[in-house]
Amino acid sequence: MLLTRDYVGYMAKEVVKRLVAGKMIETKELENLTQQVRHAMADEVTIEDRLNEEVREILSRYSEEMRRTGVSYQDMYKKVKTQLARERKLILR
């Protein structure tokens, strides 16, 4: 994750503050809304980390076969990650 948790919290607070100030949204529960936005942003920022972990798990199951056939781990990592991202319609950095 490129952004720290503190920065994600700061961004969430600023987004909510600017939406309320611009009269784009109304809320009586400012802190609750800020926490919900922070949680959604944190989930979004960690998508690639979770995808990377899943790719590692998949490749660990096929490590013996990859070793036998001489397939490069890096090449398979890229291919599996790209395929999963495409299937899930994710946009990665």
PDB file of N, CA and C in Angstrom:
ATOM      1  N   MET A   1       0.849  -1.169   0.000  1.00  0.00           N
ATOM      2  CA  MET A   1       0.000   0.000   0.000  1.00  0.00           C
ATOM      3  C   MET A   1       0.896   1.234   0.000  1.00  0.00           C
ATOM      4  N   LEU A   2       0.657   2.126  -0.948  1.00  0.00           N
ATOM      5  CA  LEU A   2       1.473   3.324  -1.076  1.00  0.00           C
ATOM      6  C   LEU A   2       1.075   4.424  -0.106  1.00  0.00           C
ATOM      7  N   LEU A   3      -0.156   4.410   0.363  1.00  0.00           N
ATOM      8  CA  LEU A   3      -0.640   5.443   1.269  1.00  0.00           C
ATOM      9  C   LEU A   3      -0.711   4.898   2.692  1.00  0.00           C
ATOM     10  N   THR A   4      -0.330   5.716   3.648  1.00  0.00           N
ATOM     11  CA  THR A   4      -0.416   5.280   5.033  1.00  0.00           C
ATOM     12  C   THR A   4      -1.856   5.363   5.521  1.00  0.00           C
ATOM     13  N   ARG A   5      -2.141   4.637   6.569  1.00  0.00           N
ATOM     14  CA  ARG A   5      -3.484   4.662   7.149  1.00  0.00           C
ATOM     15  C   ARG A   5      -3.856   6.067   7.615  1.00  0.00           C
ATOM     16  N   ASP A   6      -2.888   6.768   8.182  1.00  0.00           N
ATOM     17  CA  ASP A   6      -3.141   8.137   8.647  1.00  0.00           C
ATOM     18  C   ASP A   6      -3.532   9.042   7.489  1.00  0.00           C
ATOM     19  N   TYR A   7      -2.851   8.884   6.363  1.00  0.00           N
ATOM     20  CA  TYR A   7      -3.148   9.731   5.213  1.00  0.00           C
ATOM     21  C   TYR A   7      -4.521   9.390   4.628  1.00  0.00           C
ATOM     22  N   VAL A   8      -4.872   8.111   4.611  1.00  0.00           N
ATOM     23  CA  VAL A   8      -6.196   7.713   4.139  1.00  0.00           C
ATOM     24  C   VAL A   8      -7.263   8.335   5.037  1.00  0.00           C
ATOM     25  N   GLY A   9      -7.034   8.324   6.337  1.00  0.00           N
ATOM     26  CA  GLY A   9      -7.956   8.960   7.276  1.00  0.00           C
ATOM     27  C   GLY A   9      -8.082  10.445   7.026  1.00  0.00           C
ATOM     28  N   TYR A  10      -6.963  11.091   6.773  1.00  0.00           N
ATOM     29  CA  TYR A  10      -6.961  12.521   6.475  1.00  0.00           C
ATOM     30  C   TYR A  10      -7.746  12.803   5.190  1.00  0.00           C
ATOM     31  N   MET A  11      -7.493  11.994   4.153  1.00  0.00           N
ATOM     32  CA  MET A  11      -8.197  12.190   2.881  1.00  0.00           C
ATOM     33  C   MET A  11      -9.700  12.010   3.056  1.00  0.00           C
ATOM     34  N   ALA A  12     -10.104  11.009   3.805  1.00  0.00           N
ATOM     35  CA  ALA A  12     -11.535  10.765   4.036  1.00  0.00           C
ATOM     36  C   ALA A  12     -12.172  11.963   4.729  1.00  0.00           C
ATOM     37  N   LYS A  13     -11.480  12.485   5.734  1.00  0.00           N
ATOM     38  CA  LYS A  13     -12.000  13.644   6.471  1.00  0.00           C
ATOM     39  C   LYS A  13     -12.141  14.848   5.544  1.00  0.00           C
ATOM     40  N   GLU A  14     -11.157  15.069   4.689  1.00  0.00           N
ATOM     41  CA  GLU A  14     -11.192  16.198   3.758  1.00  0.00           C
ATOM     42  C   GLU A  14     -12.288  16.021   2.714  1.00  0.00           C
ATOM     43  N   VAL A  15     -12.469  14.833   2.207  1.00  0.00           N
ATOM     44  CA  VAL A  15     -13.515  14.578   1.208  1.00  0.00           C
ATOM     45  C   VAL A  15     -14.884  14.888   1.795  1.00  0.00           C
ATOM     46  N   VAL A  16     -15.139  14.355   2.989  1.00  0.00           N
ATOM     47  CA  VAL A  16     -16.431  14.589   3.629  1.00  0.00           C
ATOM     48  C   VAL A  16     -16.611  16.071   3.924  1.00  0.00           C
ATOM     49  N   LYS A  17     -15.578  16.709   4.439  1.00  0.00           N
ATOM     50  CA  LYS A  17     -15.651  18.131   4.772  1.00  0.00           C
ATOM     51  C   LYS A  17     -15.978  18.963   3.536  1.00  0.00           C
ATOM     52  N   ARG A  18     -15.331  18.662   2.421  1.00  0.00           N
ATOM     53  CA  ARG A  18     -15.560  19.440   1.193  1.00  0.00           C
ATOM     54  C   ARG A  18     -16.919  19.142   0.578  1.00  0.00           C
ATOM     55  N   LEU A  19     -17.379  17.914   0.683  1.00  0.00           N
ATOM     56  CA  LEU A  19     -18.714  17.592   0.167  1.00  0.00           C
ATOM     57  C   LEU A  19     -19.798  18.308   0.970  1.00  0.00           C
ATOM     58  N   VAL A  20     -19.619  18.359   2.273  1.00  0.00           N
ATOM     59  CA  VAL A  20     -20.588  19.057   3.126  1.00  0.00           C
ATOM     60  C   VAL A  20     -20.505  20.559   2.879  1.00  0.00           C
ATOM     61  N   ALA A  21     -19.302  21.093   2.798  1.00  0.00           N
ATOM     62  CA  ALA A  21     -19.127  22.530   2.571  1.00  0.00           C
ATOM     63  C   ALA A  21     -19.694  22.952   1.213  1.00  0.00           C
ATOM     64  N   GLY A  22     -19.573  22.089   0.223  1.00  0.00           N
ATOM     65  CA  GLY A  22     -20.099  22.386  -1.104  1.00  0.00           C
ATOM     66  C   GLY A  22     -21.579  22.084  -1.241  1.00  0.00           C
ATOM     67  N   LYS A  23     -22.190  21.707  -0.135  1.00  0.00           N
ATOM     68  CA  LYS A  23     -23.618  21.378  -0.084  1.00  0.00           C
ATOM     69  C   LYS A  23     -23.992  20.274  -1.080  1.00  0.00           C
ATOM     70  N   MET A  24     -23.039  19.357  -1.290  1.00  0.00           N
ATOM     71  CA  MET A  24     -23.307  18.213  -2.161  1.00  0.00           C
ATOM     72  C   MET A  24     -23.954  17.075  -1.383  1.00  0.00           C
ATOM     73  N   ILE A  25     -23.692  17.060  -0.080  1.00  0.00           N
ATOM     74  CA  ILE A  25     -24.316  16.077   0.804  1.00  0.00           C
ATOM     75  C   ILE A  25     -24.714  16.765   2.096  1.00  0.00           C
ATOM     76  N   GLU A  26     -25.644  16.148   2.794  1.00  0.00           N
ATOM     77  CA  GLU A  26     -26.044  16.614   4.124  1.00  0.00           C
ATOM     78  C   GLU A  26     -25.943  15.423   5.061  1.00  0.00           C
ATOM     79  N   THR A  27     -25.455  15.686   6.251  1.00  0.00           N
ATOM     80  CA  THR A  27     -25.370  14.624   7.241  1.00  0.00           C
ATOM     81  C   THR A  27     -25.412  15.223   8.633  1.00  0.00           C
ATOM     82  N   LYS A  28     -26.015  14.466   9.532  1.00  0.00           N
ATOM     83  CA  LYS A  28     -26.006  14.860  10.939  1.00  0.00           C
ATOM     84  C   LYS A  28     -24.934  14.071  11.682  1.00  0.00           C
ATOM     85  N   GLU A  29     -24.445  13.039  11.046  1.00  0.00           N
ATOM     86  CA  GLU A  29     -23.454  12.136  11.645  1.00  0.00           C
ATOM     87  C   GLU A  29     -22.122  12.282  10.900  1.00  0.00           C
ATOM     88  N   LEU A  30     -21.490  13.419  11.037  1.00  0.00           N
ATOM     89  CA  LEU A  30     -20.265  13.714  10.306  1.00  0.00           C
ATOM     90  C   LEU A  30     -19.163  12.694  10.597  1.00  0.00           C
ATOM     91  N   GLU A  31     -18.956  12.381  11.858  1.00  0.00           N
ATOM     92  CA  GLU A  31     -17.888  11.443  12.230  1.00  0.00           C
ATOM     93  C   GLU A  31     -18.175  10.037  11.701  1.00  0.00           C
ATOM     94  N   ASN A  32     -19.416   9.609  11.785  1.00  0.00           N
ATOM     95  CA  ASN A  32     -19.790   8.288  11.285  1.00  0.00           C
ATOM     96  C   ASN A  32     -19.572   8.199   9.777  1.00  0.00           C
ATOM     97  N   LEU A  33     -19.984   9.232   9.054  1.00  0.00           N
ATOM     98  CA  LEU A  33     -19.796   9.265   7.605  1.00  0.00           C
ATOM     99  C   LEU A  33     -18.313   9.263   7.255  1.00  0.00           C
ATOM    100  N   THR A  34     -17.530  10.031   7.993  1.00  0.00           N
ATOM    101  CA  THR A  34     -16.084  10.077   7.761  1.00  0.00           C
ATOM    102  C   THR A  34     -15.473   8.696   7.951  1.00  0.00           C
ATOM    103  N   GLN A  35     -15.892   7.975   8.981  1.00  0.00           N
ATOM    104  CA  GLN A  35     -15.368   6.630   9.213  1.00  0.00           C
ATOM    105  C   GLN A  35     -15.763   5.670   8.092  1.00  0.00           C
ATOM    106  N   GLN A  36     -16.978   5.801   7.587  1.00  0.00           N
ATOM    107  CA  GLN A  36     -17.421   4.944   6.483  1.00  0.00           C
ATOM    108  C   GLN A  36     -16.612   5.228   5.216  1.00  0.00           C
ATOM    109  N   VAL A  37     -16.363   6.496   4.940  1.00  0.00           N
ATOM    110  CA  VAL A  37     -15.565   6.870   3.769  1.00  0.00           C
ATOM    111  C   VAL A  37     -14.132   6.376   3.946  1.00  0.00           C
ATOM    112  N   ARG A  38     -13.581   6.542   5.150  1.00  0.00           N
ATOM    113  CA  ARG A  38     -12.217   6.072   5.422  1.00  0.00           C
ATOM    114  C   ARG A  38     -12.109   4.572   5.192  1.00  0.00           C
ATOM    115  N   HIS A  39     -13.087   3.830   5.668  1.00  0.00           N
ATOM    116  CA  HIS A  39     -13.079   2.372   5.509  1.00  0.00           C
ATOM    117  C   HIS A  39     -13.149   1.990   4.022  1.00  0.00           C
ATOM    118  N   ALA A  40     -14.009   2.658   3.266  1.00  0.00           N
ATOM    119  CA  ALA A  40     -14.134   2.370   1.838  1.00  0.00           C
ATOM    120  C   ALA A  40     -12.841   2.702   1.096  1.00  0.00           C
ATOM    121  N   MET A  41     -12.221   3.809   1.463  1.00  0.00           N
ATOM    122  CA  MET A  41     -10.967   4.198   0.813  1.00  0.00           C
ATOM    123  C   MET A  41      -9.844   3.230   1.169  1.00  0.00           C
ATOM    124  N   ALA A  42      -9.790   2.811   2.419  1.00  0.00           N
ATOM    125  CA  ALA A  42      -8.754   1.865   2.846  1.00  0.00           C
ATOM    126  C   ALA A  42      -8.914   0.530   2.114  1.00  0.00           C
ATOM    127  N   ASP A  43     -10.150   0.084   1.949  1.00  0.00           N
ATOM    128  CA  ASP A  43     -10.395  -1.155   1.201  1.00  0.00           C
ATOM    129  C   ASP A  43      -9.908  -1.019  -0.229  1.00  0.00           C
ATOM    130  N   GLU A  44     -10.192   0.112  -0.827  1.00  0.00           N
ATOM    131  CA  GLU A  44      -9.803   0.348  -2.218  1.00  0.00           C
ATOM    132  C   GLU A  44      -8.285   0.366  -2.379  1.00  0.00           C
ATOM    133  N   VAL A  45      -7.597   0.965  -1.431  1.00  0.00           N
ATOM    134  CA  VAL A  45      -6.149   1.094  -1.530  1.00  0.00           C
ATOM    135  C   VAL A  45      -5.453  -0.259  -1.331  1.00  0.00           C
ATOM    136  N   THR A  46      -6.082  -1.155  -0.613  1.00  0.00           N
ATOM    137  CA  THR A  46      -5.443  -2.446  -0.339  1.00  0.00           C
ATOM    138  C   THR A  46      -5.847  -3.550  -1.314  1.00  0.00           C
ATOM    139  N   ILE A  47      -6.624  -3.207  -2.332  1.00  0.00           N
ATOM    140  CA  ILE A  47      -7.054  -4.225  -3.293  1.00  0.00           C
ATOM    141  C   ILE A  47      -5.852  -4.907  -3.939  1.00  0.00           C
ATOM    142  N   GLU A  48      -4.885  -4.136  -4.382  1.00  0.00           N
ATOM    143  CA  GLU A  48      -3.738  -4.732  -5.065  1.00  0.00           C
ATOM    144  C   GLU A  48      -2.910  -5.591  -4.112  1.00  0.00           C
ATOM    145  N   ASP A  49      -2.787  -5.173  -2.868  1.00  0.00           N
ATOM    146  CA  ASP A  49      -2.062  -5.995  -1.890  1.00  0.00           C
ATOM    147  C   ASP A  49      -2.736  -7.352  -1.715  1.00  0.00           C
ATOM    148  N   ARG A  50      -4.059  -7.344  -1.618  1.00  0.00           N
ATOM    149  CA  ARG A  50      -4.797  -8.606  -1.467  1.00  0.00           C
ATOM    150  C   ARG A  50      -4.686  -9.464  -2.728  1.00  0.00           C
ATOM    151  N   LEU A  51      -4.699  -8.814  -3.895  1.00  0.00           N
ATOM    152  CA  LEU A  51      -4.546  -9.536  -5.151  1.00  0.00           C
ATOM    153  C   LEU A  51      -3.166 -10.178  -5.230  1.00  0.00           C
ATOM    154  N   ASN A  52      -2.124  -9.451  -4.849  1.00  0.00           N
ATOM    155  CA  ASN A  52      -0.766  -9.989  -4.847  1.00  0.00           C
ATOM    156  C   ASN A  52      -0.661 -11.223  -3.956  1.00  0.00           C
ATOM    157  N   GLU A  53      -1.283 -11.159  -2.791  1.00  0.00           N
ATOM    158  CA  GLU A  53      -1.261 -12.296  -1.866  1.00  0.00           C
ATOM    159  C   GLU A  53      -1.964 -13.501  -2.480  1.00  0.00           C
ATOM    160  N   GLU A  54      -3.084 -13.260  -3.133  1.00  0.00           N
ATOM    161  CA  GLU A  54      -3.810 -14.362  -3.771  1.00  0.00           C
ATOM    162  C   GLU A  54      -2.985 -14.995  -4.891  1.00  0.00           C
ATOM    163  N   VAL A  55      -2.296 -14.175  -5.665  1.00  0.00           N
ATOM    164  CA  VAL A  55      -1.442 -14.690  -6.736  1.00  0.00           C
ATOM    165  C   VAL A  55      -0.328 -15.552  -6.145  1.00  0.00           C
ATOM    166  N   ARG A  56       0.282 -15.100  -5.057  1.00  0.00           N
ATOM    167  CA  ARG A  56       1.334 -15.893  -4.405  1.00  0.00           C
ATOM    168  C   ARG A  56       0.806 -17.245  -3.938  1.00  0.00           C
ATOM    169  N   GLU A  57      -0.400 -17.240  -3.384  1.00  0.00           N
ATOM    170  CA  GLU A  57      -1.006 -18.499  -2.929  1.00  0.00           C
ATOM    171  C   GLU A  57      -1.259 -19.440  -4.099  1.00  0.00           C
ATOM    172  N   ILE A  58      -1.768 -18.916  -5.189  1.00  0.00           N
ATOM    173  CA  ILE A  58      -2.027 -19.742  -6.373  1.00  0.00           C
ATOM    174  C   ILE A  58      -0.729 -20.332  -6.899  1.00  0.00           C
ATOM    175  N   LEU A  59       0.284 -19.501  -7.014  1.00  0.00           N
ATOM    176  CA  LEU A  59       1.551 -19.975  -7.556  1.00  0.00           C
ATOM    177  C   LEU A  59       2.238 -20.966  -6.620  1.00  0.00           C
ATOM    178  N   SER A  60       2.031 -20.820  -5.319  1.00  0.00           N
ATOM    179  CA  SER A  60       2.645 -21.785  -4.398  1.00  0.00           C
ATOM    180  C   SER A  60       2.048 -23.174  -4.590  1.00  0.00           C
ATOM    181  N   ARG A  61       0.772 -23.242  -4.972  1.00  0.00           N
ATOM    182  CA  ARG A  61       0.142 -24.542  -5.231  1.00  0.00           C
ATOM    183  C   ARG A  61       0.701 -25.199  -6.482  1.00  0.00           C
ATOM    184  N   TYR A  62       1.187 -24.403  -7.409  1.00  0.00           N
ATOM    185  CA  TYR A  62       1.711 -24.942  -8.670  1.00  0.00           C
ATOM    186  C   TYR A  62       3.228 -24.860  -8.758  1.00  0.00           C
ATOM    187  N   SER A  63       3.899 -24.606  -7.652  1.00  0.00           N
ATOM    188  CA  SER A  63       5.353 -24.407  -7.678  1.00  0.00           C
ATOM    189  C   SER A  63       6.103 -25.632  -8.204  1.00  0.00           C
ATOM    190  N   GLU A  64       5.678 -26.809  -7.795  1.00  0.00           N
ATOM    191  CA  GLU A  64       6.359 -28.033  -8.251  1.00  0.00           C
ATOM    192  C   GLU A  64       6.213 -28.197  -9.766  1.00  0.00           C
ATOM    193  N   GLU A  65       5.017 -27.991 -10.269  1.00  0.00           N
ATOM    194  CA  GLU A  65       4.786 -28.114 -11.711  1.00  0.00           C
ATOM    195  C   GLU A  65       5.573 -27.051 -12.482  1.00  0.00           C
ATOM    196  N   MET A  66       5.627 -25.843 -11.934  1.00  0.00           N
ATOM    197  CA  MET A  66       6.389 -24.775 -12.577  1.00  0.00           C
ATOM    198  C   MET A  66       7.875 -25.117 -12.609  1.00  0.00           C
ATOM    199  N   ARG A  67       8.367 -25.683 -11.533  1.00  0.00           N
ATOM    200  CA  ARG A  67       9.774 -26.072 -11.461  1.00  0.00           C
ATOM    201  C   ARG A  67      10.074 -27.164 -12.493  1.00  0.00           C
ATOM    202  N   ARG A  68       9.155 -28.136 -12.583  1.00  0.00           N
ATOM    203  CA  ARG A  68       9.331 -29.245 -13.519  1.00  0.00           C
ATOM    204  C   ARG A  68       9.354 -28.773 -14.975  1.00  0.00           C
ATOM    205  N   THR A  69       8.488 -27.840 -15.299  1.00  0.00           N
ATOM    206  CA  THR A  69       8.378 -27.377 -16.682  1.00  0.00           C
ATOM    207  C   THR A  69       9.318 -26.221 -17.001  1.00  0.00           C
ATOM    208  N   GLY A  70       9.969 -25.656 -15.992  1.00  0.00           N
ATOM    209  CA  GLY A  70      10.934 -24.578 -16.214  1.00  0.00           C
ATOM    210  C   GLY A  70      10.304 -23.222 -16.476  1.00  0.00           C
ATOM    211  N   VAL A  71       9.087 -23.041 -16.015  1.00  0.00           N
ATOM    212  CA  VAL A  71       8.401 -21.763 -16.196  1.00  0.00           C
ATOM    213  C   VAL A  71       8.925 -20.756 -15.169  1.00  0.00           C
ATOM    214  N   SER A  72       9.136 -19.545 -15.618  1.00  0.00           N
ATOM    215  CA  SER A  72       9.631 -18.482 -14.752  1.00  0.00           C
ATOM    216  C   SER A  72       8.539 -18.035 -13.772  1.00  0.00           C
ATOM    217  N   TYR A  73       8.901 -17.923 -12.504  1.00  0.00           N
ATOM    218  CA  TYR A  73       7.956 -17.467 -11.479  1.00  0.00           C
ATOM    219  C   TYR A  73       7.472 -16.061 -11.799  1.00  0.00           C
ATOM    220  N   GLN A  74       8.386 -15.189 -12.206  1.00  0.00           N
ATOM    221  CA  GLN A  74       8.023 -13.807 -12.503  1.00  0.00           C
ATOM    222  C   GLN A  74       7.029 -13.721 -13.661  1.00  0.00           C
ATOM    223  N   ASP A  75       7.262 -14.520 -14.701  1.00  0.00           N
ATOM    224  CA  ASP A  75       6.346 -14.512 -15.847  1.00  0.00           C
ATOM    225  C   ASP A  75       4.966 -15.002 -15.441  1.00  0.00           C
ATOM    226  N   MET A  76       4.913 -16.078 -14.691  1.00  0.00           N
ATOM    227  CA  MET A  76       3.630 -16.617 -14.260  1.00  0.00           C
ATOM    228  C   MET A  76       2.928 -15.653 -13.297  1.00  0.00           C
ATOM    229  N   TYR A  77       3.718 -15.000 -12.450  1.00  0.00           N
ATOM    230  CA  TYR A  77       3.154 -14.027 -11.513  1.00  0.00           C
ATOM    231  C   TYR A  77       2.427 -12.932 -12.283  1.00  0.00           C
ATOM    232  N   LYS A  78       3.107 -12.378 -13.308  1.00  0.00           N
ATOM    233  CA  LYS A  78       2.499 -11.317 -14.118  1.00  0.00           C
ATOM    234  C   LYS A  78       1.241 -11.810 -14.825  1.00  0.00           C
ATOM    235  N   LYS A  79       1.318 -13.011 -15.394  1.00  0.00           N
ATOM    236  CA  LYS A  79       0.180 -13.551 -16.145  1.00  0.00           C
ATOM    237  C   LYS A  79      -1.021 -13.801 -15.237  1.00  0.00           C
ATOM    238  N   VAL A  80      -0.784 -14.417 -14.089  1.00  0.00           N
ATOM    239  CA  VAL A  80      -1.882 -14.725 -13.166  1.00  0.00           C
ATOM    240  C   VAL A  80      -2.482 -13.435 -12.618  1.00  0.00           C
ATOM    241  N   LYS A  81      -1.643 -12.487 -12.247  1.00  0.00           N
ATOM    242  CA  LYS A  81      -2.135 -11.222 -11.703  1.00  0.00           C
ATOM    243  C   LYS A  81      -2.949 -10.464 -12.750  1.00  0.00           C
ATOM    244  N   THR A  82      -2.452 -10.421 -13.971  1.00  0.00           N
ATOM    245  CA  THR A  82      -3.169  -9.746 -15.050  1.00  0.00           C
ATOM    246  C   THR A  82      -4.515 -10.414 -15.305  1.00  0.00           C
ATOM    247  N   GLN A  83      -4.523 -11.750 -15.315  1.00  0.00           N
ATOM    248  CA  GLN A  83      -5.767 -12.487 -15.565  1.00  0.00           C
ATOM    249  C   GLN A  83      -6.791 -12.231 -14.451  1.00  0.00           C
ATOM    250  N   LEU A  84      -6.359 -12.296 -13.195  1.00  0.00           N
ATOM    251  CA  LEU A  84      -7.282 -12.047 -12.084  1.00  0.00           C
ATOM    252  C   LEU A  84      -7.810 -10.612 -12.113  1.00  0.00           C
ATOM    253  N   ALA A  85      -6.933  -9.670 -12.410  1.00  0.00           N
ATOM    254  CA  ALA A  85      -7.355  -8.270 -12.476  1.00  0.00           C
ATOM    255  C   ALA A  85      -8.373  -8.071 -13.599  1.00  0.00           C
ATOM    256  N   ARG A  86      -8.143  -8.713 -14.727  1.00  0.00           N
ATOM    257  CA  ARG A  86      -9.074  -8.593 -15.852  1.00  0.00           C
ATOM    258  C   ARG A  86     -10.424  -9.213 -15.498  1.00  0.00           C
ATOM    259  N   GLU A  87     -10.409 -10.390 -14.875  1.00  0.00           N
ATOM    260  CA  GLU A  87     -11.651 -11.058 -14.500  1.00  0.00           C
ATOM    261  C   GLU A  87     -12.461 -10.228 -13.504  1.00  0.00           C
ATOM    262  N   ARG A  88     -11.762  -9.533 -12.613  1.00  0.00           N
ATOM    263  CA  ARG A  88     -12.433  -8.755 -11.567  1.00  0.00           C
ATOM    264  C   ARG A  88     -12.633  -7.302 -11.960  1.00  0.00           C
ATOM    265  N   LYS A  89     -12.193  -6.978 -13.168  1.00  0.00           N
ATOM    266  CA  LYS A  89     -12.314  -5.609 -13.705  1.00  0.00           C
ATOM    267  C   LYS A  89     -11.671  -4.590 -12.775  1.00  0.00           C
ATOM    268  N   LEU A  90     -10.438  -4.914 -12.355  1.00  0.00           N
ATOM    269  CA  LEU A  90      -9.675  -4.030 -11.485  1.00  0.00           C
ATOM    270  C   LEU A  90      -8.728  -3.179 -12.315  1.00  0.00           C
ATOM    271  N   ILE A  91      -8.522  -1.966 -11.889  1.00  0.00           N
ATOM    272  CA  ILE A  91      -7.522  -1.096 -12.516  1.00  0.00           C
ATOM    273  C   ILE A  91      -6.377  -0.989 -11.528  1.00  0.00           C
ATOM    274  N   LEU A  92      -5.207  -1.463 -11.957  1.00  0.00           N
ATOM    275  CA  LEU A  92      -4.045  -1.479 -11.071  1.00  0.00           C
ATOM    276  C   LEU A  92      -3.083  -0.376 -11.440  1.00  0.00           C
ATOM    277  N   ARG A  93      -2.297   0.037 -10.476  1.00  0.00           N
ATOM    278  CA  ARG A  93      -1.311   1.091 -10.725  1.00  0.00           C
ATOM    279  C   ARG A  93      -0.110   0.552 -11.451  1.00  0.00           C
TER     280      ARG A  93
END
